[in-house]
C-alpha cells in the first residue's frame, strides 16, 4: 500500500470511528426515537474512491460529523408548531438550493436502522435529481460525480437544519451518504413516490434518479402526506423486472418472506452500484425512459378491473 493510500485509509478509519461515537451519543439521549424488532440491518459496503475524489470524501465526512455536532445548537425548548407561511418559506428556501421534491411524514420505527436513533419523530424528506445524461451514459468520472451529489445534498441538508434552528425549531439532519433510516421507504411514507423492485425510490419528477436525505424536527404540525397514489408502482414493478434481468452481476434476487410474499433483495457485496457508481438499474428502468403519467395511464388501462388495483 502506497503512502497516499495508507494516509487515506487511516483518515477514513479515524473519521468513521468518530462518527460512530457521535451516533451513539444520540442513542443515549432521553426521548430518542430508536429502532425496533422489525428494523433493517444497515449494510455497509466500502466505496472505491479515486485519489482525485479524496477531497470530496473528506468533505462528506466533515459534513456527516456536522449533522451530529450541530445538535448542540438546538434550542433548549424548541418550538413544536410552525405557521403555514413559515413552511412555505422553508420550502422556497429548499427549492432555491435545487432540492427537487419535499415531503413530510411521521417516522415509523421500522424504517430506522438497527442501533440507530433519531431525536425527533417528524421528518422532512428531500430529493435531489441525478442528471439523466450521467445515468444513461458511461461518462468518465461518474464515480466522482456520484460522490459530489452526496456532498452537495449533505451540505444543503445541514444548511436547512441550521435554518430551522435559527427559527426556534429543533433539527436533526440525516446525511444522504450515511442514513439513519432506509430512505426510499421513508420517502414513500412522505408521499414522494414508491420504492421499486430495485429498492430505488421512483418519483414522478425524476423516476429512479435521485439522492435522498432528511431532517428530523420538533415541528409536529407538518403537512404530513398519507396519500398512496404512487402505490401502483409496486404492481407495475411486479410485471416488469427489468432491473433484475439487466443487472450484470445478478446482484438482485427475489426471496420469499415469512408470510409467503415475495420481495427483492440486493446482494450488496456484489452490487457494483455501491462500489463503482453503476447505474444500470436506473438506466434500464422504464420510469427513466418514459413519462410517469403516460406509464400510469397505460398500466391502468391494461389492468382495468383487476381486484385491488391502485388500492
C-alpha atoms as a PDB file:
ATOM      1  CA  UNK A   1       0.000   0.000   0.000  1.00  0.00           C
ATOM      2  CA  UNK A   2       1.374   3.399  -1.007  1.00  0.00           C
ATOM      3  CA  UNK A   3       1.865   6.211   1.487  1.00  0.00           C
ATOM      4  CA  UNK A   4      -1.096   8.121  -0.026  1.00  0.00           C
ATOM      5  CA  UNK A   5      -3.338   5.043   0.127  1.00  0.00           C
ATOM      6  CA  UNK A   6      -2.299   4.399   3.729  1.00  0.00           C
ATOM      7  CA  UNK A   7      -2.993   8.010   4.638  1.00  0.00           C
ATOM      8  CA  UNK A   8      -6.442   7.843   3.040  1.00  0.00           C
ATOM      9  CA  UNK A   9      -7.197   4.560   4.816  1.00  0.00           C
ATOM     10  CA  UNK A  10      -6.111   5.939   8.200  1.00  0.00           C
ATOM     11  CA  UNK A  11      -8.169   9.098   7.675  1.00  0.00           C
ATOM     12  CA  UNK A  12     -11.273   7.101   6.718  1.00  0.00           C
ATOM     13  CA  UNK A  13     -10.964   4.792   9.724  1.00  0.00           C
ATOM     14  CA  UNK A  14     -10.448   7.679  12.143  1.00  0.00           C
ATOM     15  CA  UNK A  15     -13.421   9.592  10.710  1.00  0.00           C
ATOM     16  CA  UNK A  16     -15.653   6.501  10.773  1.00  0.00           C
ATOM     17  CA  UNK A  17     -14.839   5.838  14.438  1.00  0.00           C
ATOM     18  CA  UNK A  18     -15.605   9.448  15.317  1.00  0.00           C
ATOM     19  CA  UNK A  19     -18.954   9.307  13.514  1.00  0.00           C
ATOM     20  CA  UNK A  20     -19.859   6.057  15.273  1.00  0.00           C
ATOM     21  CA  UNK A  21     -19.059   7.671  18.617  1.00  0.00           C
ATOM     22  CA  UNK A  22     -21.266  10.667  17.776  1.00  0.00           C
ATOM     23  CA  UNK A  23     -24.091   8.382  16.640  1.00  0.00           C
ATOM     24  CA  UNK A  24     -24.020   6.552  19.964  1.00  0.00           C
ATOM     25  CA  UNK A  25     -24.360   9.852  21.820  1.00  0.00           C
ATOM     26  CA  UNK A  26     -27.785  10.283  20.155  1.00  0.00           C
ATOM     27  CA  UNK A  27     -28.795   6.777  21.277  1.00  0.00           C
ATOM     28  CA  UNK A  28     -28.136   7.846  24.853  1.00  0.00           C
ATOM     29  CA  UNK A  29     -30.344  10.965  24.658  1.00  0.00           C
ATOM     30  CA  UNK A  30     -33.539  10.907  26.715  1.00  0.00           C
ATOM     31  CA  UNK A  31     -36.562  10.511  24.455  1.00  0.00           C
ATOM     32  CA  UNK A  32     -34.539   9.368  21.437  1.00  0.00           C
ATOM     33  CA  UNK A  33     -36.596   7.522  18.803  1.00  0.00           C
ATOM     34  CA  UNK A  34     -34.996   4.114  18.336  1.00  0.00           C
ATOM     35  CA  UNK A  35     -35.303   1.133  16.022  1.00  0.00           C
ATOM     36  CA  UNK A  36     -37.476  -1.888  16.822  1.00  0.00           C
ATOM     37  CA  UNK A  37     -37.525  -5.626  16.090  1.00  0.00           C
ATOM     38  CA  UNK A  38     -38.723  -5.029  12.526  1.00  0.00           C
ATOM     39  CA  UNK A  39     -35.962  -2.561  11.701  1.00  0.00           C
ATOM     40  CA  UNK A  40     -33.448  -3.483   8.959  1.00  0.00           C
ATOM     41  CA  UNK A  41     -29.753  -4.011   9.431  1.00  0.00           C
ATOM     42  CA  UNK A  42     -27.635  -1.400   7.709  1.00  0.00           C
ATOM     43  CA  UNK A  43     -25.289  -2.885   5.124  1.00  0.00           C
ATOM     44  CA  UNK A  44     -22.031  -1.011   4.717  1.00  0.00           C
ATOM     45  CA  UNK A  45     -20.071  -1.590   1.525  1.00  0.00           C
ATOM     46  CA  UNK A  46     -16.751   0.179   1.076  1.00  0.00           C
ATOM     47  CA  UNK A  47     -16.960   2.561  -1.862  1.00  0.00           C
ATOM     48  CA  UNK A  48     -13.980   2.677  -4.216  1.00  0.00           C
ATOM     49  CA  UNK A  49     -12.680   6.227  -4.258  1.00  0.00           C
ATOM     50  CA  UNK A  50     -10.103   7.618  -6.672  1.00  0.00           C
ATOM     51  CA  UNK A  51      -7.319   9.873  -5.447  1.00  0.00           C
ATOM     52  CA  UNK A  52      -8.921  12.885  -7.173  1.00  0.00           C
ATOM     53  CA  UNK A  53     -12.118  12.287  -5.168  1.00  0.00           C
ATOM     54  CA  UNK A  54     -10.341  12.275  -1.804  1.00  0.00           C
ATOM     55  CA  UNK A  55     -11.163  15.923  -1.066  1.00  0.00           C
ATOM     56  CA  UNK A  56     -14.843  15.252  -1.779  1.00  0.00           C
ATOM     57  CA  UNK A  57     -14.742  12.226   0.517  1.00  0.00           C
ATOM     58  CA  UNK A  58     -13.169  14.368   3.245  1.00  0.00           C
ATOM     59  CA  UNK A  59     -15.910  16.960   2.799  1.00  0.00           C
ATOM     60  CA  UNK A  60     -18.581  14.276   3.108  1.00  0.00           C
ATOM     61  CA  UNK A  61     -17.001  13.000   6.326  1.00  0.00           C
ATOM     62  CA  UNK A  62     -16.772  16.519   7.737  1.00  0.00           C
ATOM     63  CA  UNK A  63     -20.420  17.225   6.980  1.00  0.00           C
ATOM     64  CA  UNK A  64     -21.601  13.905   8.402  1.00  0.00           C
ATOM     65  CA  UNK A  65     -19.861  14.871  11.630  1.00  0.00           C
ATOM     66  CA  UNK A  66     -21.606  18.248  11.473  1.00  0.00           C
ATOM     67  CA  UNK A  67     -25.026  16.548  11.459  1.00  0.00           C
ATOM     68  CA  UNK A  68     -24.213  15.338  14.974  1.00  0.00           C
ATOM     69  CA  UNK A  69     -22.013  18.118  16.330  1.00  0.00           C
ATOM     70  CA  UNK A  70     -24.591  20.752  15.352  1.00  0.00           C
ATOM     71  CA  UNK A  71     -27.208  19.117  17.592  1.00  0.00           C
ATOM     72  CA  UNK A  72     -25.789  21.168  20.461  1.00  0.00           C
ATOM     73  CA  UNK A  73     -27.163  24.222  18.647  1.00  0.00           C
ATOM     74  CA  UNK A  74     -30.754  23.050  19.020  1.00  0.00           C
ATOM     75  CA  UNK A  75     -32.888  25.353  21.221  1.00  0.00           C
ATOM     76  CA  UNK A  76     -33.285  24.216  24.817  1.00  0.00           C
ATOM     77  CA  UNK A  77     -37.043  24.429  24.392  1.00  0.00           C
ATOM     78  CA  UNK A  78     -37.679  24.038  20.647  1.00  0.00           C
ATOM     79  CA  UNK A  79     -40.932  25.210  19.119  1.00  0.00           C
ATOM     80  CA  UNK A  80     -43.311  22.448  18.039  1.00  0.00           C
ATOM     81  CA  UNK A  81     -45.693  24.372  15.783  1.00  0.00           C
ATOM     82  CA  UNK A  82     -44.916  26.193  12.533  1.00  0.00           C
ATOM     83  CA  UNK A  83     -47.169  28.524  10.583  1.00  0.00           C
ATOM     84  CA  UNK A  84     -48.183  27.747   7.010  1.00  0.00           C
ATOM     85  CA  UNK A  85     -46.243  30.842   5.991  1.00  0.00           C
ATOM     86  CA  UNK A  86     -43.035  29.538   7.571  1.00  0.00           C
ATOM     87  CA  UNK A  87     -43.407  26.101   5.963  1.00  0.00           C
ATOM     88  CA  UNK A  88     -43.865  27.759   2.562  1.00  0.00           C
ATOM     89  CA  UNK A  89     -40.848  29.983   3.226  1.00  0.00           C
ATOM     90  CA  UNK A  90     -38.807  26.917   4.195  1.00  0.00           C
ATOM     91  CA  UNK A  91     -39.852  25.059   1.041  1.00  0.00           C
ATOM     92  CA  UNK A  92     -38.973  28.046  -1.130  1.00  0.00           C
ATOM     93  CA  UNK A  93     -35.557  28.193   0.512  1.00  0.00           C
ATOM     94  CA  UNK A  94     -35.009  24.469  -0.141  1.00  0.00           C
ATOM     95  CA  UNK A  95     -36.100  24.768  -3.784  1.00  0.00           C
ATOM     96  CA  UNK A  96     -33.670  27.680  -4.244  1.00  0.00           C
ATOM     97  CA  UNK A  97     -30.954  25.139  -3.346  1.00  0.00           C
ATOM     98  CA  UNK A  98     -32.059  22.880  -6.217  1.00  0.00           C
ATOM     99  CA  UNK A  99     -33.932  20.469  -3.971  1.00  0.00           C
ATOM    100  CA  UNK A 100     -36.247  18.615  -6.366  1.00  0.00           C
ATOM    101  CA  UNK A 101     -39.046  17.493  -4.065  1.00  0.00           C
ATOM    102  CA  UNK A 102     -40.032  17.793  -0.393  1.00  0.00           C
ATOM    103  CA  UNK A 103     -42.302  15.546   1.670  1.00  0.00           C
ATOM    104  CA  UNK A 104     -43.335  15.086   5.284  1.00  0.00           C
ATOM    105  CA  UNK A 105     -44.074  12.071   7.448  1.00  0.00           C
ATOM    106  CA  UNK A 106     -44.068  10.682  10.969  1.00  0.00           C
ATOM    107  CA  UNK A 107     -41.162   8.244  11.151  1.00  0.00           C
ATOM    108  CA  UNK A 108     -42.219   4.611  11.670  1.00  0.00           C
ATOM    109  CA  UNK A 109     -39.728   2.888  13.965  1.00  0.00           C
ATOM    110  CA  UNK A 110     -39.310   0.035  11.500  1.00  0.00           C
ATOM    111  CA  UNK A 111     -37.577   2.303   8.963  1.00  0.00           C
ATOM    112  CA  UNK A 112     -34.858   3.242  11.469  1.00  0.00           C
ATOM    113  CA  UNK A 113     -31.764   1.084  11.022  1.00  0.00           C
ATOM    114  CA  UNK A 114     -30.909  -1.193  13.921  1.00  0.00           C
ATOM    115  CA  UNK A 115     -28.823   0.514  16.616  1.00  0.00           C
ATOM    116  CA  UNK A 116     -29.563   3.972  15.160  1.00  0.00           C
ATOM    117  CA  UNK A 117     -31.615   6.701  16.841  1.00  0.00           C
ATOM    118  CA  UNK A 118     -33.311   9.994  15.988  1.00  0.00           C
ATOM    119  CA  UNK A 119     -34.023  12.994  18.189  1.00  0.00           C
ATOM    120  CA  UNK A 120     -37.457  13.641  16.663  1.00  0.00           C
ATOM    121  CA  UNK A 121     -40.161  11.541  15.022  1.00  0.00           C
ATOM    122  CA  UNK A 122     -41.260  14.185  12.496  1.00  0.00           C
ATOM    123  CA  UNK A 123     -39.417  14.008   9.182  1.00  0.00           C
ATOM    124  CA  UNK A 124     -38.866  16.392   6.294  1.00  0.00           C
ATOM    125  CA  UNK A 125     -37.628  14.367   3.312  1.00  0.00           C
ATOM    126  CA  UNK A 126     -35.698  15.800   0.361  1.00  0.00           C
ATOM    127  CA  UNK A 127     -34.716  14.504  -3.060  1.00  0.00           C
ATOM    128  CA  UNK A 128     -32.034  15.830  -5.393  1.00  0.00           C
ATOM    129  CA  UNK A 129     -32.210  14.728  -9.010  1.00  0.00           C
ATOM    130  CA  UNK A 130     -29.404  12.776 -10.658  1.00  0.00           C
ATOM    131  CA  UNK A 131     -28.694  14.020 -14.175  1.00  0.00           C
ATOM    132  CA  UNK A 132     -30.267  11.707 -16.787  1.00  0.00           C
ATOM    133  CA  UNK A 133     -27.287  12.033 -19.119  1.00  0.00           C
ATOM    134  CA  UNK A 134     -24.982  10.748 -16.366  1.00  0.00           C
ATOM    135  CA  UNK A 135     -27.243   7.753 -15.811  1.00  0.00           C
ATOM    136  CA  UNK A 136     -27.721   6.896 -19.479  1.00  0.00           C
ATOM    137  CA  UNK A 137     -24.064   7.158 -20.477  1.00  0.00           C
ATOM    138  CA  UNK A 138     -20.897   5.628 -19.061  1.00  0.00           C
ATOM    139  CA  UNK A 139     -19.286   9.014 -18.588  1.00  0.00           C
ATOM    140  CA  UNK A 140     -15.689   9.356 -17.362  1.00  0.00           C
ATOM    141  CA  UNK A 141     -15.612  10.339 -13.715  1.00  0.00           C
ATOM    142  CA  UNK A 142     -19.112   9.038 -12.953  1.00  0.00           C
ATOM    143  CA  UNK A 143     -17.987   7.837  -9.516  1.00  0.00           C
ATOM    144  CA  UNK A 144     -16.609  11.285  -8.726  1.00  0.00           C
ATOM    145  CA  UNK A 145     -19.878  12.876  -9.872  1.00  0.00           C
ATOM    146  CA  UNK A 146     -21.806  10.482  -7.634  1.00  0.00           C
ATOM    147  CA  UNK A 147     -19.737  11.499  -4.599  1.00  0.00           C
ATOM    148  CA  UNK A 148     -20.246  15.184  -5.404  1.00  0.00           C
ATOM    149  CA  UNK A 149     -24.023  14.673  -5.412  1.00  0.00           C
ATOM    150  CA  UNK A 150     -23.824  13.146  -1.940  1.00  0.00           C
ATOM    151  CA  UNK A 151     -21.623  16.016  -0.814  1.00  0.00           C
ATOM    152  CA  UNK A 152     -23.867  18.736  -2.256  1.00  0.00           C
ATOM    153  CA  UNK A 153     -27.084  17.303  -0.825  1.00  0.00           C
ATOM    154  CA  UNK A 154     -25.407  16.696   2.535  1.00  0.00           C
ATOM    155  CA  UNK A 155     -24.304  20.325   2.758  1.00  0.00           C
ATOM    156  CA  UNK A 156     -27.741  21.609   1.765  1.00  0.00           C
ATOM    157  CA  UNK A 157     -29.417  19.354   4.327  1.00  0.00           C
ATOM    158  CA  UNK A 158     -27.179  20.747   7.076  1.00  0.00           C
ATOM    159  CA  UNK A 159     -27.915  24.315   5.933  1.00  0.00           C
ATOM    160  CA  UNK A 160     -31.653  23.650   6.051  1.00  0.00           C
ATOM    161  CA  UNK A 161     -31.328  22.141   9.546  1.00  0.00           C
ATOM    162  CA  UNK A 162     -29.428  25.246  10.679  1.00  0.00           C
ATOM    163  CA  UNK A 163     -32.212  27.378   9.172  1.00  0.00           C
ATOM    164  CA  UNK A 164     -34.801  25.555  11.286  1.00  0.00           C
ATOM    165  CA  UNK A 165     -32.728  26.067  14.429  1.00  0.00           C
ATOM    166  CA  UNK A 166     -32.330  29.793  13.758  1.00  0.00           C
ATOM    167  CA  UNK A 167     -36.113  29.987  13.688  1.00  0.00           C
ATOM    168  CA  UNK A 168     -36.509  28.242  17.033  1.00  0.00           C
ATOM    169  CA  UNK A 169     -37.108  24.642  15.955  1.00  0.00           C
ATOM    170  CA  UNK A 170     -35.193  21.504  16.848  1.00  0.00           C
ATOM    171  CA  UNK A 171     -33.490  19.744  13.931  1.00  0.00           C
ATOM    172  CA  UNK A 172     -31.502  16.544  13.402  1.00  0.00           C
ATOM    173  CA  UNK A 173     -30.098  16.271   9.867  1.00  0.00           C
ATOM    174  CA  UNK A 174     -29.568  12.894   8.203  1.00  0.00           C
ATOM    175  CA  UNK A 175     -26.815  12.981   5.562  1.00  0.00           C
ATOM    176  CA  UNK A 176     -27.564  11.091   2.303  1.00  0.00           C
ATOM    177  CA  UNK A 177     -24.247   9.224   2.461  1.00  0.00           C
ATOM    178  CA  UNK A 178     -24.865   7.679   5.885  1.00  0.00           C
ATOM    179  CA  UNK A 179     -28.568   7.398   6.554  1.00  0.00           C
ATOM    180  CA  UNK A 180     -30.136   6.731   9.908  1.00  0.00           C
ATOM    181  CA  UNK A 181     -33.180   5.332   8.124  1.00  0.00           C
ATOM    182  CA  UNK A 182     -33.949   3.429   4.952  1.00  0.00           C
ATOM    183  CA  UNK A 183     -34.514   6.448   2.736  1.00  0.00           C
ATOM    184  CA  UNK A 184     -36.676   5.018  -0.084  1.00  0.00           C
ATOM    185  CA  UNK A 185     -39.260   3.722   2.390  1.00  0.00           C
ATOM    186  CA  UNK A 186     -39.232   6.972   4.392  1.00  0.00           C
ATOM    187  CA  UNK A 187     -39.744   8.951   1.170  1.00  0.00           C
ATOM    188  CA  UNK A 188     -42.569   6.585   0.248  1.00  0.00           C
ATOM    189  CA  UNK A 189     -44.290   7.338   3.570  1.00  0.00           C
ATOM    190  CA  UNK A 190     -43.786  11.039   2.828  1.00  0.00           C
ATOM    191  CA  UNK A 191     -45.762  10.668  -0.405  1.00  0.00           C
ATOM    192  CA  UNK A 192     -42.839  11.475  -2.723  1.00  0.00           C
ATOM    193  CA  UNK A 193     -43.012   8.229  -4.689  1.00  0.00           C
ATOM    194  CA  UNK A 194     -42.799   4.468  -4.186  1.00  0.00           C
ATOM    195  CA  UNK A 195     -39.973   2.008  -3.653  1.00  0.00           C
ATOM    196  CA  UNK A 196     -39.448  -0.003  -6.824  1.00  0.00           C
ATOM    197  CA  UNK A 197     -38.266  -3.572  -7.290  1.00  0.00           C
ATOM    198  CA  UNK A 198     -34.703  -2.257  -7.493  1.00  0.00           C
ATOM    199  CA  UNK A 199     -35.134  -0.811  -3.963  1.00  0.00           C
ATOM    200  CA  UNK A 200     -34.770   2.649  -5.514  1.00  0.00           C
ATOM    201  CA  UNK A 201     -37.339   5.349  -4.891  1.00  0.00           C
ATOM    202  CA  UNK A 202     -39.362   6.092  -8.027  1.00  0.00           C
ATOM    203  CA  UNK A 203     -40.895   9.580  -8.261  1.00  0.00           C
ATOM    204  CA  UNK A 204     -43.000  11.394 -10.880  1.00  0.00           C
ATOM    205  CA  UNK A 205     -40.344  14.098 -11.211  1.00  0.00           C
ATOM    206  CA  UNK A 206     -37.171  12.020 -11.609  1.00  0.00           C
ATOM    207  CA  UNK A 207     -38.159   8.371 -11.980  1.00  0.00           C
ATOM    208  CA  UNK A 208     -35.464   6.336 -10.152  1.00  0.00           C
ATOM    209  CA  UNK A 209     -32.802   9.059 -10.446  1.00  0.00           C
ATOM    210  CA  UNK A 210     -32.347  10.798  -7.092  1.00  0.00           C
ATOM    211  CA  UNK A 211     -30.403  11.037  -3.875  1.00  0.00           C
ATOM    212  CA  UNK A 212     -32.427  11.296  -0.672  1.00  0.00           C
ATOM    213  CA  UNK A 213     -31.804  12.989   2.676  1.00  0.00           C
ATOM    214  CA  UNK A 214     -33.941  14.016   5.645  1.00  0.00           C
ATOM    215  CA  UNK A 215     -34.244  16.298   8.645  1.00  0.00           C
ATOM    216  CA  UNK A 216     -35.951  15.091  11.799  1.00  0.00           C
ATOM    217  CA  UNK A 217     -37.568  18.029  13.554  1.00  0.00           C
ATOM    218  CA  UNK A 218     -39.567  19.159  16.570  1.00  0.00           C
ATOM    219  CA  UNK A 219     -42.299  20.570  14.278  1.00  0.00           C
ATOM    220  CA  UNK A 220     -45.393  18.473  14.970  1.00  0.00           C
ATOM    221  CA  UNK A 221     -47.844  20.116  12.571  1.00  0.00           C
ATOM    222  CA  UNK A 222     -46.019  19.440   9.322  1.00  0.00           C
ATOM    223  CA  UNK A 223     -48.293  18.836   6.305  1.00  0.00           C
ATOM    224  CA  UNK A 224     -47.940  15.053   6.561  1.00  0.00           C
ATOM    225  CA  UNK A 225     -48.861  13.230   3.378  1.00  0.00           C
ATOM    226  CA  UNK A 226     -50.626   9.883   3.752  1.00  0.00           C
ATOM    227  CA  UNK A 227     -51.611   9.665   0.075  1.00  0.00           C
ATOM    228  CA  UNK A 228     -50.829   6.285  -1.501  1.00  0.00           C
ATOM    229  CA  UNK A 229     -51.387   7.406  -5.064  1.00  0.00           C
ATOM    230  CA  UNK A 230     -47.975   6.067  -6.100  1.00  0.00           C
ATOM    231  CA  UNK A 231     -48.674   2.523  -4.848  1.00  0.00           C
ATOM    232  CA  UNK A 232     -49.486   1.345  -8.397  1.00  0.00           C
ATOM    233  CA  UNK A 233     -45.719   1.359  -8.994  1.00  0.00           C
ATOM    234  CA  UNK A 234     -45.408  -1.808  -6.910  1.00  0.00           C
ATOM    235  CA  UNK A 235     -47.867  -3.616  -9.213  1.00  0.00           C
ATOM    236  CA  UNK A 236     -46.069  -2.253 -12.269  1.00  0.00           C
ATOM    237  CA  UNK A 237     -42.694  -3.469 -10.996  1.00  0.00           C
ATOM    238  CA  UNK A 238     -44.110  -6.958 -10.433  1.00  0.00           C
ATOM    239  CA  UNK A 239     -44.911  -7.172 -14.154  1.00  0.00           C
ATOM    240  CA  UNK A 240     -41.622  -5.605 -15.291  1.00  0.00           C
ATOM    241  CA  UNK A 241     -38.496  -6.832 -13.519  1.00  0.00           C
ATOM    242  CA  UNK A 242     -36.080  -5.202 -15.982  1.00  0.00           C
ATOM    243  CA  UNK A 243     -33.784  -4.088 -13.159  1.00  0.00           C
ATOM    244  CA  UNK A 244     -33.309  -7.742 -12.185  1.00  0.00           C
ATOM    245  CA  UNK A 245     -32.892  -9.016 -15.749  1.00  0.00           C
ATOM    246  CA  UNK A 246     -30.409  -6.318 -16.770  1.00  0.00           C
ATOM    247  CA  UNK A 247     -28.169  -6.425 -13.692  1.00  0.00           C
ATOM    248  CA  UNK A 248     -24.754  -7.623 -14.982  1.00  0.00           C
ATOM    249  CA  UNK A 249     -23.721  -9.024 -11.599  1.00  0.00           C
ATOM    250  CA  UNK A 250     -27.025 -10.756 -10.713  1.00  0.00           C
ATOM    251  CA  UNK A 251     -26.964  -8.653  -7.554  1.00  0.00           C
ATOM    252  CA  UNK A 252     -30.751  -8.570  -7.267  1.00  0.00           C
ATOM    253  CA  UNK A 253     -32.637 -11.695  -6.269  1.00  0.00           C
ATOM    254  CA  UNK A 254     -36.239 -12.418  -5.362  1.00  0.00           C
ATOM    255  CA  UNK A 255     -36.787 -14.082  -1.996  1.00  0.00           C
ATOM    256  CA  UNK A 256     -39.869 -15.314  -0.175  1.00  0.00           C
ATOM    257  CA  UNK A 257     -40.809 -13.661   3.120  1.00  0.00           C
ATOM    258  CA  UNK A 258     -42.168 -15.489   6.169  1.00  0.00           C
ATOM    259  CA  UNK A 259     -45.719 -14.581   5.156  1.00  0.00           C
ATOM    260  CA  UNK A 260     -45.279 -16.134   1.715  1.00  0.00           C
ATOM    261  CA  UNK A 261     -44.983 -12.847  -0.160  1.00  0.00           C
ATOM    262  CA  UNK A 262     -42.035 -12.199  -2.451  1.00  0.00           C
ATOM    263  CA  UNK A 263     -39.623  -9.304  -2.214  1.00  0.00           C
ATOM    264  CA  UNK A 264     -36.386  -8.209  -3.773  1.00  0.00           C
ATOM    265  CA  UNK A 265     -33.048  -8.346  -2.012  1.00  0.00           C
ATOM    266  CA  UNK A 266     -29.902  -6.529  -3.073  1.00  0.00           C
ATOM    267  CA  UNK A 267     -26.700  -8.506  -2.525  1.00  0.00           C
ATOM    268  CA  UNK A 268     -24.545  -5.556  -1.542  1.00  0.00           C
ATOM    269  CA  UNK A 269     -21.290  -7.499  -1.721  1.00  0.00           C
ATOM    270  CA  UNK A 270     -21.578  -7.933  -5.486  1.00  0.00           C
ATOM    271  CA  UNK A 271     -23.623  -4.847  -6.402  1.00  0.00           C
ATOM    272  CA  UNK A 272     -21.308  -2.628  -8.444  1.00  0.00           C
ATOM    273  CA  UNK A 273     -23.533   0.355  -7.739  1.00  0.00           C
ATOM    274  CA  UNK A 274     -22.153   0.577  -4.219  1.00  0.00           C
ATOM    275  CA  UNK A 275     -18.549   0.466  -5.394  1.00  0.00           C
ATOM    276  CA  UNK A 276     -18.340   1.819  -8.916  1.00  0.00           C
ATOM    277  CA  UNK A 277     -21.402   4.054  -9.358  1.00  0.00           C
ATOM    278  CA  UNK A 278     -23.070   1.559 -11.686  1.00  0.00           C
ATOM    279  CA  UNK A 279     -26.433   2.961 -12.776  1.00  0.00           C
ATOM    280  CA  UNK A 280     -27.759   0.135 -14.954  1.00  0.00           C
ATOM    281  CA  UNK A 281     -30.835  -0.492 -12.797  1.00  0.00           C
ATOM    282  CA  UNK A 282     -31.653   3.228 -13.075  1.00  0.00           C
ATOM    283  CA  UNK A 283     -30.846   3.367 -16.792  1.00  0.00           C
ATOM    284  CA  UNK A 284     -32.987   0.360 -17.724  1.00  0.00           C
ATOM    285  CA  UNK A 285     -35.958   1.315 -15.557  1.00  0.00           C
ATOM    286  CA  UNK A 286     -38.992   2.303 -17.691  1.00  0.00           C
ATOM    287  CA  UNK A 287     -39.530   5.264 -15.352  1.00  0.00           C
ATOM    288  CA  UNK A 288     -36.169   6.614 -16.529  1.00  0.00           C
ATOM    289  CA  UNK A 289     -37.100   6.209 -20.198  1.00  0.00           C
ATOM    290  CA  UNK A 290     -40.744   7.271 -20.224  1.00  0.00           C
ATOM    291  CA  UNK A 291     -43.028   9.828 -18.627  1.00  0.00           C
ATOM    292  CA  UNK A 292     -44.535   8.816 -15.266  1.00  0.00           C
ATOM    293  CA  UNK A 293     -48.093   9.804 -16.193  1.00  0.00           C
ATOM    294  CA  UNK A 294     -48.073   8.014 -19.559  1.00  0.00           C
ATOM    295  CA  UNK A 295     -46.807   4.823 -17.888  1.00  0.00           C
ATOM    296  CA  UNK A 296     -49.501   5.064 -15.246  1.00  0.00           C
ATOM    297  CA  UNK A 297     -52.281   5.683 -17.760  1.00  0.00           C
ATOM    298  CA  UNK A 298     -51.192   2.758 -19.940  1.00  0.00           C
ATOM    299  CA  UNK A 299     -50.833   0.429 -16.962  1.00  0.00           C
ATOM    300  CA  UNK A 300     -54.196   1.459 -15.534  1.00  0.00           C
ATOM    301  CA  UNK A 301     -55.862   0.875 -18.911  1.00  0.00           C
ATOM    302  CA  UNK A 302     -54.257  -2.571 -19.309  1.00  0.00           C
ATOM    303  CA  UNK A 303     -55.230  -3.590 -15.788  1.00  0.00           C
ATOM    304  CA  UNK A 304     -58.700  -2.053 -15.647  1.00  0.00           C
ATOM    305  CA  UNK A 305     -60.998  -4.078 -13.435  1.00  0.00           C
ATOM    306  CA  UNK A 306     -58.273  -6.044 -11.672  1.00  0.00           C
ATOM    307  CA  UNK A 307     -59.019  -6.529  -7.988  1.00  0.00           C
ATOM    308  CA  UNK A 308     -57.135  -4.253  -5.593  1.00  0.00           C
ATOM    309  CA  UNK A 309     -55.601  -2.237  -8.430  1.00  0.00           C
ATOM    310  CA  UNK A 310     -54.290   1.085  -7.090  1.00  0.00           C
ATOM    311  CA  UNK A 311     -55.525   0.248  -3.571  1.00  0.00           C
END
